[in-house]
Amino acid sequence: MRRIAGFVFRSFLQGLVILGPIGVTAYAIYFVFTSLDRLIPYVSEWAPGVGFVIVVAFITLVGYAGTRFFFGRWIVEGFSYLLEHTPGIKHIYSSVKDVMDSFVGDKKKFNSPVWVRTSEQPEIWRIGFLTRQELDELGMTGKVAVYLPHSYAISGWVIVVDSSTIRPVEGMNAAEAMKFAVSGGIAGLHAHEHHHEEAKG
């Protein structure tokens, strides 16, 4: 009986490992889909899914017009300038805008993965992203700013360290480095490991 119970329990855990990521991914897609679809309530009630298509099409159109046409750029920049100078709103808008630009904008900030030595005895290195290569204007000559993401979270912190304590990450691009950091070092090395195994074979 113990052997059968152990077999059933191990099979259950293996099922969780297989179905867990699929279920979380499916729920995330469903959550995003329904959230966007409900932005236009009357349309979503009449024809579910149409609101999602309208919202995505509108966002795409704004992105295209705001980058391709002078008039569209002028409107977007004017509206952005207005929000950035409106008391009570400017701090929220500027912070969100900077974060969005850092991840998906034309001025991405998290594209320079580096190793940071955070301790010498014992020697400890953490993976992060170089966001400022100089801080002279803050009176921190020779220092750099590095963003350290938290594992299994969307948060992190910024540290200021001496430029000699960082070195570029080799074998990973920015996306793989972020995956490596957020996953706690589990993911982000598949391509590198695959090439390494091929070289050994």
N, C-alpha and C. Protein backbone atom coordinates (compact mmCIF):
# COMPACT_ATOMS: atom_id res chain seq x y z
N MET A 1 0.83 -1.21 0.00
CA MET A 1 0.00 0.00 0.00
C MET A 1 0.86 1.27 0.00
N ARG A 2 1.96 1.21 0.81
CA ARG A 2 2.82 2.39 0.85
C ARG A 2 3.44 2.67 -0.52
N ARG A 3 3.82 1.57 -1.22
CA ARG A 3 4.42 1.74 -2.53
C ARG A 3 3.42 2.34 -3.51
N ILE A 4 2.18 1.88 -3.44
CA ILE A 4 1.14 2.41 -4.33
C ILE A 4 0.85 3.86 -3.99
N ALA A 5 0.76 4.18 -2.68
CA ALA A 5 0.50 5.56 -2.26
C ALA A 5 1.64 6.47 -2.69
N GLY A 6 2.88 5.98 -2.55
CA GLY A 6 4.03 6.79 -2.98
C GLY A 6 4.02 7.02 -4.47
N PHE A 7 3.66 5.99 -5.23
CA PHE A 7 3.58 6.13 -6.69
C PHE A 7 2.52 7.15 -7.09
N VAL A 8 1.35 7.06 -6.45
CA VAL A 8 0.26 8.00 -6.75
C VAL A 8 0.67 9.43 -6.39
N PHE A 9 1.33 9.59 -5.24
CA PHE A 9 1.74 10.92 -4.80
C PHE A 9 2.78 11.52 -5.75
N ARG A 10 3.77 10.70 -6.15
CA ARG A 10 4.79 11.19 -7.09
C ARG A 10 4.16 11.55 -8.44
N SER A 11 3.21 10.74 -8.89
CA SER A 11 2.53 11.03 -10.15
C SER A 11 1.74 12.33 -10.05
N PHE A 12 1.12 12.56 -8.87
CA PHE A 12 0.37 13.80 -8.66
C PHE A 12 1.30 15.01 -8.72
N LEU A 13 2.46 14.91 -8.06
CA LEU A 13 3.42 16.01 -8.08
C LEU A 13 3.93 16.26 -9.50
N GLN A 14 4.18 15.18 -10.25
CA GLN A 14 4.65 15.33 -11.62
C GLN A 14 3.57 15.99 -12.48
N GLY A 15 2.31 15.65 -12.19
CA GLY A 15 1.21 16.29 -12.91
C GLY A 15 1.15 17.78 -12.63
N LEU A 16 1.42 18.16 -11.36
CA LEU A 16 1.46 19.58 -11.02
C LEU A 16 2.58 20.29 -11.77
N VAL A 17 3.74 19.63 -11.86
CA VAL A 17 4.87 20.23 -12.57
C VAL A 17 4.53 20.45 -14.03
N ILE A 18 3.80 19.51 -14.63
CA ILE A 18 3.45 19.61 -16.05
C ILE A 18 2.34 20.62 -16.27
N LEU A 19 1.28 20.53 -15.47
CA LEU A 19 0.09 21.35 -15.71
C LEU A 19 0.18 22.73 -15.05
N GLY A 20 1.01 22.87 -14.00
CA GLY A 20 1.10 24.15 -13.30
C GLY A 20 1.46 25.32 -14.21
N PRO A 21 2.59 25.25 -14.92
CA PRO A 21 2.94 26.36 -15.82
C PRO A 21 1.90 26.62 -16.90
N ILE A 22 1.29 25.52 -17.41
CA ILE A 22 0.26 25.68 -18.44
C ILE A 22 -0.95 26.41 -17.87
N GLY A 23 -1.36 26.00 -16.65
CA GLY A 23 -2.52 26.63 -16.03
C GLY A 23 -2.29 28.09 -15.70
N VAL A 24 -1.11 28.42 -15.15
CA VAL A 24 -0.79 29.81 -14.82
C VAL A 24 -0.74 30.67 -16.08
N THR A 25 -0.13 30.14 -17.13
CA THR A 25 -0.06 30.88 -18.40
C THR A 25 -1.44 31.10 -18.98
N ALA A 26 -2.28 30.05 -18.96
CA ALA A 26 -3.64 30.17 -19.49
C ALA A 26 -4.44 31.20 -18.69
N TYR A 27 -4.28 31.18 -17.35
CA TYR A 27 -5.01 32.14 -16.52
C TYR A 27 -4.54 33.56 -16.79
N ALA A 28 -3.23 33.75 -16.96
CA ALA A 28 -2.70 35.08 -17.24
C ALA A 28 -3.25 35.61 -18.56
N ILE A 29 -3.30 34.75 -19.57
CA ILE A 29 -3.86 35.15 -20.88
C ILE A 29 -5.34 35.49 -20.73
N TYR A 30 -6.07 34.64 -19.99
CA TYR A 30 -7.49 34.89 -19.77
C TYR A 30 -7.73 36.20 -19.03
N PHE A 31 -6.90 36.45 -18.00
CA PHE A 31 -7.05 37.67 -17.21
C PHE A 31 -6.81 38.91 -18.07
N VAL A 32 -5.74 38.89 -18.87
CA VAL A 32 -5.46 40.04 -19.75
C VAL A 32 -6.57 40.21 -20.78
N PHE A 33 -7.02 39.10 -21.36
CA PHE A 33 -8.07 39.15 -22.38
C PHE A 33 -9.36 39.75 -21.81
N THR A 34 -9.82 39.21 -20.67
CA THR A 34 -11.08 39.70 -20.09
C THR A 34 -10.95 41.13 -19.59
N SER A 35 -9.80 41.49 -19.04
CA SER A 35 -9.61 42.85 -18.54
C SER A 35 -9.70 43.87 -19.68
N LEU A 36 -9.04 43.58 -20.79
CA LEU A 36 -9.11 44.49 -21.94
C LEU A 36 -10.49 44.48 -22.57
N ASP A 37 -11.12 43.30 -22.61
CA ASP A 37 -12.44 43.19 -23.23
C ASP A 37 -13.48 43.99 -22.46
N ARG A 38 -13.35 44.05 -21.13
CA ARG A 38 -14.33 44.75 -20.30
C ARG A 38 -14.14 46.26 -20.28
N LEU A 39 -13.08 46.76 -20.91
CA LEU A 39 -12.89 48.20 -20.99
C LEU A 39 -14.00 48.85 -21.80
N ILE A 40 -14.63 48.08 -22.67
CA ILE A 40 -15.78 48.57 -23.43
C ILE A 40 -16.96 47.68 -23.05
N PRO A 41 -17.62 47.95 -21.93
CA PRO A 41 -18.60 47.03 -21.35
C PRO A 41 -19.76 46.65 -22.26
N TYR A 42 -20.39 47.62 -22.91
CA TYR A 42 -21.56 47.31 -23.71
C TYR A 42 -21.20 46.43 -24.90
N VAL A 43 -20.04 46.68 -25.48
CA VAL A 43 -19.61 45.87 -26.61
C VAL A 43 -19.27 44.46 -26.16
N SER A 44 -18.60 44.32 -25.02
CA SER A 44 -18.22 43.00 -24.53
C SER A 44 -19.44 42.17 -24.16
N GLU A 45 -20.50 42.82 -23.68
CA GLU A 45 -21.72 42.09 -23.35
C GLU A 45 -22.45 41.64 -24.62
N TRP A 46 -22.37 42.46 -25.63
CA TRP A 46 -23.06 42.13 -26.89
C TRP A 46 -22.29 41.07 -27.68
N ALA A 47 -20.97 41.20 -27.75
CA ALA A 47 -20.15 40.25 -28.49
C ALA A 47 -18.81 40.10 -27.78
N PRO A 48 -18.68 39.13 -26.87
CA PRO A 48 -17.43 38.93 -26.15
C PRO A 48 -16.24 38.75 -27.11
N GLY A 49 -15.17 39.46 -26.82
CA GLY A 49 -13.98 39.38 -27.67
C GLY A 49 -13.81 40.57 -28.57
N VAL A 50 -14.91 41.21 -28.94
CA VAL A 50 -14.83 42.36 -29.83
C VAL A 50 -14.17 43.54 -29.12
N GLY A 51 -14.50 43.72 -27.84
CA GLY A 51 -13.87 44.80 -27.08
C GLY A 51 -12.36 44.63 -27.00
N PHE A 52 -11.90 43.40 -26.83
CA PHE A 52 -10.46 43.12 -26.80
C PHE A 52 -9.80 43.53 -28.11
N VAL A 53 -10.43 43.16 -29.22
CA VAL A 53 -9.89 43.49 -30.54
C VAL A 53 -9.85 45.00 -30.74
N ILE A 54 -10.90 45.70 -30.31
CA ILE A 54 -10.96 47.16 -30.46
C ILE A 54 -9.86 47.83 -29.65
N VAL A 55 -9.68 47.39 -28.39
CA VAL A 55 -8.66 47.99 -27.52
C VAL A 55 -7.26 47.76 -28.08
N VAL A 56 -6.98 46.53 -28.51
CA VAL A 56 -5.66 46.22 -29.07
C VAL A 56 -5.43 47.01 -30.35
N ALA A 57 -6.46 47.11 -31.19
CA ALA A 57 -6.33 47.87 -32.43
C ALA A 57 -6.09 49.36 -32.14
N PHE A 58 -6.78 49.89 -31.14
CA PHE A 58 -6.61 51.30 -30.77
C PHE A 58 -5.20 51.56 -30.25
N ILE A 59 -4.71 50.67 -29.36
CA ILE A 59 -3.36 50.83 -28.83
C ILE A 59 -2.33 50.77 -29.95
N THR A 60 -2.51 49.83 -30.87
CA THR A 60 -1.59 49.69 -32.01
C THR A 60 -1.62 50.92 -32.89
N LEU A 61 -2.83 51.45 -33.12
CA LEU A 61 -2.97 52.64 -33.96
C LEU A 61 -2.29 53.85 -33.32
N VAL A 62 -2.47 54.00 -32.00
CA VAL A 62 -1.83 55.12 -31.30
C VAL A 62 -0.31 54.98 -31.37
N GLY A 63 0.18 53.75 -31.17
CA GLY A 63 1.62 53.53 -31.25
C GLY A 63 2.18 53.82 -32.63
N TYR A 64 1.44 53.44 -33.66
CA TYR A 64 1.89 53.68 -35.03
C TYR A 64 1.85 55.17 -35.37
N ALA A 65 0.72 55.81 -35.05
CA ALA A 65 0.57 57.24 -35.37
C ALA A 65 1.53 58.10 -34.55
N GLY A 66 1.79 57.66 -33.31
CA GLY A 66 2.65 58.45 -32.44
C GLY A 66 4.12 58.37 -32.77
N THR A 67 4.49 57.45 -33.65
CA THR A 67 5.89 57.31 -34.02
C THR A 67 6.14 57.56 -35.50
N ARG A 68 5.10 57.47 -36.34
CA ARG A 68 5.30 57.56 -37.78
C ARG A 68 4.92 58.91 -38.37
N PHE A 69 3.97 59.58 -37.74
CA PHE A 69 3.46 60.82 -38.32
C PHE A 69 3.78 62.01 -37.41
N PHE A 70 4.11 63.12 -38.02
CA PHE A 70 4.47 64.31 -37.26
C PHE A 70 3.29 64.79 -36.41
N PHE A 71 2.10 64.81 -37.01
CA PHE A 71 0.93 65.31 -36.28
C PHE A 71 0.61 64.40 -35.09
N GLY A 72 0.72 63.07 -35.31
CA GLY A 72 0.47 62.13 -34.21
C GLY A 72 1.49 62.28 -33.11
N ARG A 73 2.77 62.46 -33.50
CA ARG A 73 3.83 62.66 -32.51
C ARG A 73 3.59 63.95 -31.73
N TRP A 74 3.14 64.99 -32.42
CA TRP A 74 2.89 66.29 -31.79
C TRP A 74 1.79 66.17 -30.75
N ILE A 75 0.73 65.43 -31.06
CA ILE A 75 -0.38 65.25 -30.12
C ILE A 75 0.08 64.45 -28.90
N VAL A 76 0.80 63.34 -29.15
CA VAL A 76 1.26 62.49 -28.05
C VAL A 76 2.21 63.26 -27.13
N GLU A 77 3.16 63.96 -27.72
CA GLU A 77 4.14 64.72 -26.93
C GLU A 77 3.47 65.87 -26.17
N GLY A 78 2.48 66.50 -26.82
CA GLY A 78 1.76 67.58 -26.15
C GLY A 78 0.96 67.08 -24.96
N PHE A 79 0.28 65.95 -25.14
CA PHE A 79 -0.50 65.38 -24.05
C PHE A 79 0.43 64.91 -22.93
N SER A 80 1.58 64.33 -23.31
CA SER A 80 2.55 63.89 -22.32
C SER A 80 3.10 65.08 -21.55
N TYR A 81 3.40 66.17 -22.25
CA TYR A 81 3.91 67.38 -21.59
C TYR A 81 2.88 67.91 -20.60
N LEU A 82 1.61 67.88 -20.98
CA LEU A 82 0.54 68.37 -20.11
C LEU A 82 0.47 67.55 -18.82
N LEU A 83 0.54 66.22 -18.95
CA LEU A 83 0.46 65.36 -17.77
C LEU A 83 1.69 65.51 -16.89
N GLU A 84 2.86 65.70 -17.51
CA GLU A 84 4.10 65.83 -16.75
C GLU A 84 4.18 67.14 -15.99
N HIS A 85 3.31 68.10 -16.30
CA HIS A 85 3.34 69.39 -15.62
C HIS A 85 2.04 69.69 -14.88
N THR A 86 1.22 68.63 -14.67
CA THR A 86 -0.02 68.79 -13.92
C THR A 86 0.21 68.38 -12.47
N PRO A 87 0.04 69.29 -11.53
CA PRO A 87 0.28 68.96 -10.11
C PRO A 87 -0.57 67.77 -9.66
N GLY A 88 0.04 66.88 -8.90
CA GLY A 88 -0.66 65.71 -8.40
C GLY A 88 -0.65 64.53 -9.34
N ILE A 89 -0.51 64.80 -10.61
CA ILE A 89 -0.51 63.74 -11.62
C ILE A 89 0.89 63.50 -12.16
N LYS A 90 1.69 64.56 -12.22
CA LYS A 90 2.99 64.47 -12.88
C LYS A 90 3.90 63.41 -12.27
N HIS A 91 3.86 63.24 -10.95
CA HIS A 91 4.75 62.28 -10.32
C HIS A 91 4.37 60.85 -10.69
N ILE A 92 3.08 60.57 -10.69
CA ILE A 92 2.60 59.24 -11.06
C ILE A 92 2.89 58.95 -12.52
N TYR A 93 2.51 59.91 -13.38
CA TYR A 93 2.68 59.72 -14.82
C TYR A 93 4.15 59.58 -15.20
N SER A 94 5.00 60.44 -14.66
CA SER A 94 6.43 60.39 -15.00
C SER A 94 7.07 59.08 -14.57
N SER A 95 6.69 58.61 -13.37
CA SER A 95 7.27 57.36 -12.87
C SER A 95 6.85 56.18 -13.73
N VAL A 96 5.55 56.10 -14.04
CA VAL A 96 5.06 55.00 -14.87
C VAL A 96 5.65 55.07 -16.27
N LYS A 97 5.75 56.27 -16.82
CA LYS A 97 6.30 56.45 -18.16
C LYS A 97 7.76 56.02 -18.22
N ASP A 98 8.53 56.38 -17.20
CA ASP A 98 9.94 56.00 -17.18
C ASP A 98 10.11 54.48 -17.10
N VAL A 99 9.27 53.84 -16.28
CA VAL A 99 9.35 52.38 -16.15
C VAL A 99 8.97 51.70 -17.46
N MET A 100 7.87 52.17 -18.09
CA MET A 100 7.45 51.58 -19.36
C MET A 100 8.50 51.77 -20.44
N ASP A 101 9.07 52.97 -20.50
CA ASP A 101 10.13 53.23 -21.49
C ASP A 101 11.35 52.36 -21.25
N SER A 102 11.63 52.09 -19.98
CA SER A 102 12.81 51.28 -19.66
C SER A 102 12.66 49.85 -20.14
N PHE A 103 11.42 49.33 -20.13
CA PHE A 103 11.21 47.94 -20.52
C PHE A 103 10.88 47.78 -22.00
N VAL A 104 9.97 48.60 -22.54
CA VAL A 104 9.49 48.36 -23.90
C VAL A 104 9.63 49.55 -24.82
N GLY A 105 10.11 50.67 -24.36
CA GLY A 105 10.20 51.85 -25.20
C GLY A 105 11.42 51.84 -26.10
N ASP A 106 11.56 52.90 -26.88
CA ASP A 106 12.71 53.03 -27.77
C ASP A 106 13.98 53.27 -26.97
N LYS A 107 13.85 53.76 -25.73
CA LYS A 107 15.02 54.04 -24.89
C LYS A 107 15.12 53.02 -23.76
N LYS A 108 15.19 51.77 -24.13
CA LYS A 108 15.27 50.71 -23.13
C LYS A 108 16.50 50.89 -22.24
N LYS A 109 16.30 50.71 -20.95
CA LYS A 109 17.39 50.87 -20.00
C LYS A 109 17.97 49.52 -19.58
N PHE A 110 17.14 48.48 -19.56
CA PHE A 110 17.60 47.19 -19.07
C PHE A 110 18.13 46.34 -20.22
N ASN A 111 19.14 46.84 -20.89
CA ASN A 111 19.74 46.11 -22.02
C ASN A 111 21.23 45.89 -21.84
N SER A 112 21.75 46.16 -20.63
CA SER A 112 23.17 45.98 -20.36
C SER A 112 23.34 45.13 -19.10
N PRO A 113 23.18 43.80 -19.22
CA PRO A 113 23.33 42.94 -18.04
C PRO A 113 24.77 42.91 -17.55
N VAL A 114 24.95 42.97 -16.24
CA VAL A 114 26.29 42.95 -15.64
C VAL A 114 26.28 42.09 -14.38
N TRP A 115 27.46 41.59 -14.04
CA TRP A 115 27.66 40.96 -12.74
C TRP A 115 28.17 42.01 -11.77
N VAL A 116 27.63 42.02 -10.56
CA VAL A 116 28.04 42.99 -9.54
C VAL A 116 28.60 42.24 -8.33
N ARG A 117 29.81 42.59 -7.93
CA ARG A 117 30.39 41.99 -6.72
C ARG A 117 29.85 42.73 -5.51
N THR A 118 28.97 42.08 -4.77
CA THR A 118 28.34 42.71 -3.61
C THR A 118 29.04 42.38 -2.30
N SER A 119 29.97 41.44 -2.35
CA SER A 119 30.72 41.09 -1.14
C SER A 119 32.07 40.49 -1.55
N GLU A 120 33.08 40.81 -0.76
CA GLU A 120 34.41 40.29 -1.05
C GLU A 120 34.76 39.08 -0.18
N GLN A 121 34.32 39.07 1.05
CA GLN A 121 34.62 37.98 1.98
C GLN A 121 33.32 37.52 2.65
N PRO A 122 32.68 36.45 2.14
CA PRO A 122 33.03 35.66 0.97
C PRO A 122 32.67 36.41 -0.32
N GLU A 123 33.26 36.02 -1.42
CA GLU A 123 33.00 36.68 -2.69
C GLU A 123 31.61 36.30 -3.19
N ILE A 124 30.76 37.32 -3.36
CA ILE A 124 29.39 37.10 -3.83
C ILE A 124 29.12 38.02 -5.01
N TRP A 125 28.56 37.44 -6.06
CA TRP A 125 28.21 38.21 -7.26
C TRP A 125 26.72 38.11 -7.49
N ARG A 126 26.13 39.22 -7.91
CA ARG A 126 24.71 39.24 -8.27
C ARG A 126 24.56 39.76 -9.69
N ILE A 127 23.50 39.31 -10.36
CA ILE A 127 23.26 39.76 -11.73
C ILE A 127 22.31 40.95 -11.70
N GLY A 128 22.61 41.95 -12.52
CA GLY A 128 21.78 43.15 -12.58
C GLY A 128 21.90 43.80 -13.95
N PHE A 129 21.43 45.04 -14.02
CA PHE A 129 21.43 45.77 -15.29
C PHE A 129 21.99 47.17 -15.07
N LEU A 130 23.00 47.50 -15.85
CA LEU A 130 23.63 48.82 -15.75
C LEU A 130 22.68 49.87 -16.31
N THR A 131 22.24 50.81 -15.47
CA THR A 131 21.30 51.82 -15.91
C THR A 131 21.92 53.21 -16.05
N ARG A 132 22.98 53.49 -15.31
CA ARG A 132 23.72 54.76 -15.43
C ARG A 132 25.22 54.46 -15.38
N GLN A 133 25.94 54.88 -16.42
CA GLN A 133 27.36 54.60 -16.49
C GLN A 133 28.21 55.64 -15.76
N GLU A 134 27.60 56.75 -15.38
CA GLU A 134 28.32 57.75 -14.59
C GLU A 134 27.32 58.55 -13.76
N LEU A 135 27.77 58.95 -12.57
CA LEU A 135 26.93 59.69 -11.64
C LEU A 135 27.66 60.93 -11.13
N ASP A 136 28.43 61.55 -12.03
CA ASP A 136 29.21 62.72 -11.65
C ASP A 136 28.32 63.87 -11.16
N GLU A 137 27.13 64.00 -11.79
CA GLU A 137 26.26 65.10 -11.42
C GLU A 137 25.71 64.96 -10.00
N LEU A 138 25.81 63.74 -9.44
CA LEU A 138 25.35 63.50 -8.07
C LEU A 138 26.52 63.48 -7.09
N GLY A 139 27.71 63.84 -7.58
CA GLY A 139 28.88 63.83 -6.72
C GLY A 139 29.41 62.44 -6.45
N MET A 140 29.08 61.49 -7.33
CA MET A 140 29.51 60.10 -7.15
C MET A 140 30.44 59.72 -8.30
N THR A 141 31.57 60.39 -8.38
CA THR A 141 32.53 60.15 -9.45
C THR A 141 33.08 58.73 -9.38
N GLY A 142 33.12 58.07 -10.54
CA GLY A 142 33.62 56.70 -10.60
C GLY A 142 32.60 55.66 -10.22
N LYS A 143 31.37 56.10 -9.88
CA LYS A 143 30.33 55.17 -9.49
C LYS A 143 29.36 54.94 -10.65
N VAL A 144 28.65 53.82 -10.61
CA VAL A 144 27.64 53.50 -11.61
C VAL A 144 26.37 53.05 -10.88
N ALA A 145 25.24 53.12 -11.58
CA ALA A 145 23.97 52.67 -11.01
C ALA A 145 23.58 51.34 -11.65
N VAL A 146 23.23 50.38 -10.82
CA VAL A 146 22.86 49.05 -11.29
C VAL A 146 21.51 48.68 -10.68
N TYR A 147 20.62 48.18 -11.53
CA TYR A 147 19.31 47.72 -11.06
C TYR A 147 19.38 46.22 -10.81
N LEU A 148 19.00 45.80 -9.60
CA LEU A 148 19.00 44.40 -9.22
C LEU A 148 17.56 43.91 -9.07
N PRO A 149 17.07 43.10 -10.02
CA PRO A 149 15.70 42.59 -9.90
C PRO A 149 15.60 41.53 -8.81
N HIS A 150 14.41 41.45 -8.20
CA HIS A 150 14.14 40.41 -7.23
C HIS A 150 13.72 39.13 -7.95
N SER A 151 14.03 38.00 -7.36
CA SER A 151 13.59 36.73 -7.92
C SER A 151 12.11 36.50 -7.64
N TYR A 152 11.40 35.97 -8.64
CA TYR A 152 9.98 35.66 -8.53
C TYR A 152 9.16 36.88 -8.10
N ALA A 153 9.51 38.02 -8.65
CA ALA A 153 8.79 39.26 -8.35
C ALA A 153 9.05 40.25 -9.48
N ILE A 154 8.28 41.34 -9.48
CA ILE A 154 8.48 42.39 -10.48
C ILE A 154 9.14 43.60 -9.84
N SER A 155 9.64 43.41 -8.63
CA SER A 155 10.28 44.52 -7.91
C SER A 155 11.79 44.35 -7.95
N GLY A 156 12.49 45.30 -7.36
CA GLY A 156 13.95 45.27 -7.31
C GLY A 156 14.44 46.52 -6.63
N TRP A 157 15.76 46.73 -6.64
CA TRP A 157 16.30 47.96 -6.08
C TRP A 157 17.48 48.42 -6.89
N VAL A 158 17.82 49.69 -6.72
CA VAL A 158 18.96 50.29 -7.42
C VAL A 158 20.09 50.46 -6.42
N ILE A 159 21.29 50.02 -6.80
CA ILE A 159 22.46 50.20 -5.95
C ILE A 159 23.50 51.01 -6.71
N VAL A 160 24.29 51.76 -5.98
CA VAL A 160 25.38 52.55 -6.55
C VAL A 160 26.69 51.92 -6.09
N VAL A 161 27.49 51.47 -7.06
CA VAL A 161 28.73 50.77 -6.74
C VAL A 161 29.87 51.35 -7.56
N ASP A 162 31.08 51.02 -7.15
CA ASP A 162 32.25 51.45 -7.91
C ASP A 162 32.29 50.71 -9.23
N SER A 163 32.69 51.41 -10.28
CA SER A 163 32.70 50.82 -11.62
C SER A 163 33.60 49.60 -11.71
N SER A 164 34.57 49.49 -10.81
CA SER A 164 35.49 48.35 -10.85
C SER A 164 34.86 47.07 -10.32
N THR A 165 33.69 47.18 -9.69
CA THR A 165 33.06 46.00 -9.10
C THR A 165 32.04 45.35 -10.03
N ILE A 166 31.95 45.81 -11.28
CA ILE A 166 31.02 45.21 -12.22
C ILE A 166 31.78 44.69 -13.43
N ARG A 167 31.18 43.71 -14.08
CA ARG A 167 31.73 43.22 -15.34
C ARG A 167 30.58 42.75 -16.21
N PRO A 168 30.70 42.83 -17.54
CA PRO A 168 29.61 42.45 -18.44
C PRO A 168 29.27 40.97 -18.30
N VAL A 169 28.01 40.66 -18.52
CA VAL A 169 27.56 39.27 -18.52
C VAL A 169 27.85 38.67 -19.90
N GLU A 170 28.50 37.53 -19.92
CA GLU A 170 28.80 36.85 -21.17
C GLU A 170 27.93 35.59 -21.29
N GLY A 171 27.54 35.27 -22.52
CA GLY A 171 26.76 34.06 -22.74
C GLY A 171 25.27 34.24 -22.62
N MET A 172 24.80 35.45 -22.27
CA MET A 172 23.37 35.73 -22.16
C MET A 172 23.08 37.11 -22.72
N ASN A 173 21.95 37.24 -23.42
CA ASN A 173 21.51 38.57 -23.82
C ASN A 173 20.67 39.16 -22.69
N ALA A 174 20.13 40.36 -22.91
CA ALA A 174 19.40 41.05 -21.85
C ALA A 174 18.18 40.27 -21.40
N ALA A 175 17.42 39.71 -22.36
CA ALA A 175 16.21 38.97 -22.01
C ALA A 175 16.55 37.72 -21.20
N GLU A 176 17.60 37.01 -21.58
CA GLU A 176 18.01 35.82 -20.85
C GLU A 176 18.53 36.17 -19.45
N ALA A 177 19.23 37.30 -19.35
CA ALA A 177 19.73 37.73 -18.05
C ALA A 177 18.58 38.08 -17.11
N MET A 178 17.55 38.76 -17.63
CA MET A 178 16.40 39.09 -16.80
C MET A 178 15.68 37.82 -16.35
N LYS A 179 15.54 36.86 -17.26
CA LYS A 179 14.90 35.59 -16.91
C LYS A 179 15.72 34.86 -15.85
N PHE A 180 17.04 34.91 -15.98
CA PHE A 180 17.94 34.27 -15.01
C PHE A 180 17.76 34.89 -13.63
N ALA A 181 17.68 36.23 -13.58
CA ALA A 181 17.55 36.93 -12.30
C ALA A 181 16.19 36.68 -11.66
N VAL A 182 15.12 36.81 -12.45
CA VAL A 182 13.77 36.70 -11.91
C VAL A 182 13.45 35.27 -11.49
N SER A 183 14.01 34.29 -12.20
CA SER A 183 13.72 32.88 -11.89
C SER A 183 14.59 32.32 -10.79
N GLY A 184 15.43 33.16 -10.21
CA GLY A 184 16.30 32.67 -9.16
C GLY A 184 17.48 31.86 -9.67
N GLY A 185 17.85 32.07 -10.93
CA GLY A 185 18.99 31.36 -11.51
C GLY A 185 18.63 30.05 -12.18
N ILE A 186 17.32 29.75 -12.25
CA ILE A 186 16.90 28.47 -12.84
C ILE A 186 16.81 28.56 -14.36
N ALA A 187 16.23 29.65 -14.87
CA ALA A 187 16.00 29.79 -16.31
C ALA A 187 16.96 30.81 -16.90
N GLY A 188 16.98 30.87 -18.24
CA GLY A 188 17.77 31.87 -18.93
C GLY A 188 19.06 31.35 -19.50
N LEU A 189 19.38 30.07 -19.26
CA LEU A 189 20.64 29.53 -19.74
C LEU A 189 20.44 28.39 -20.74
N HIS A 190 19.21 28.19 -21.21
CA HIS A 190 18.93 27.05 -22.06
C HIS A 190 19.73 27.07 -23.35
N ALA A 191 19.75 28.23 -23.99
CA ALA A 191 20.46 28.33 -25.27
C ALA A 191 21.95 28.11 -25.06
N HIS A 192 22.49 28.71 -23.99
CA HIS A 192 23.91 28.59 -23.71
C HIS A 192 24.27 27.14 -23.38
N GLU A 193 23.43 26.48 -22.55
CA GLU A 193 23.69 25.11 -22.18
C GLU A 193 23.59 24.19 -23.39
N HIS A 194 22.63 24.51 -24.29
CA HIS A 194 22.44 23.70 -25.48
C HIS A 194 23.68 23.75 -26.36
N HIS A 195 24.22 24.96 -26.55
CA HIS A 195 25.42 25.10 -27.37
C HIS A 195 26.61 24.41 -26.70
N HIS A 196 26.65 24.47 -25.36
CA HIS A 196 27.76 23.85 -24.63
C HIS A 196 27.72 22.33 -24.79
N GLU A 197 26.49 21.77 -24.71
CA GLU A 197 26.35 20.33 -24.87
C GLU A 197 26.71 19.90 -26.28
N GLU A 198 26.33 20.72 -27.29
CA GLU A 198 26.67 20.40 -28.66
C GLU A 198 28.19 20.41 -28.87
N ALA A 199 28.85 21.38 -28.21
CA ALA A 199 30.30 21.48 -28.35
C ALA A 199 30.97 20.27 -27.70
N LYS A 200 30.43 19.81 -26.57
CA LYS A 200 31.01 18.64 -25.90
C LYS A 200 30.78 17.39 -26.72
N GLY A 201 29.56 17.31 -27.36
CA GLY A 201 29.26 16.12 -28.17
C GLY A 201 30.12 16.10 -29.42
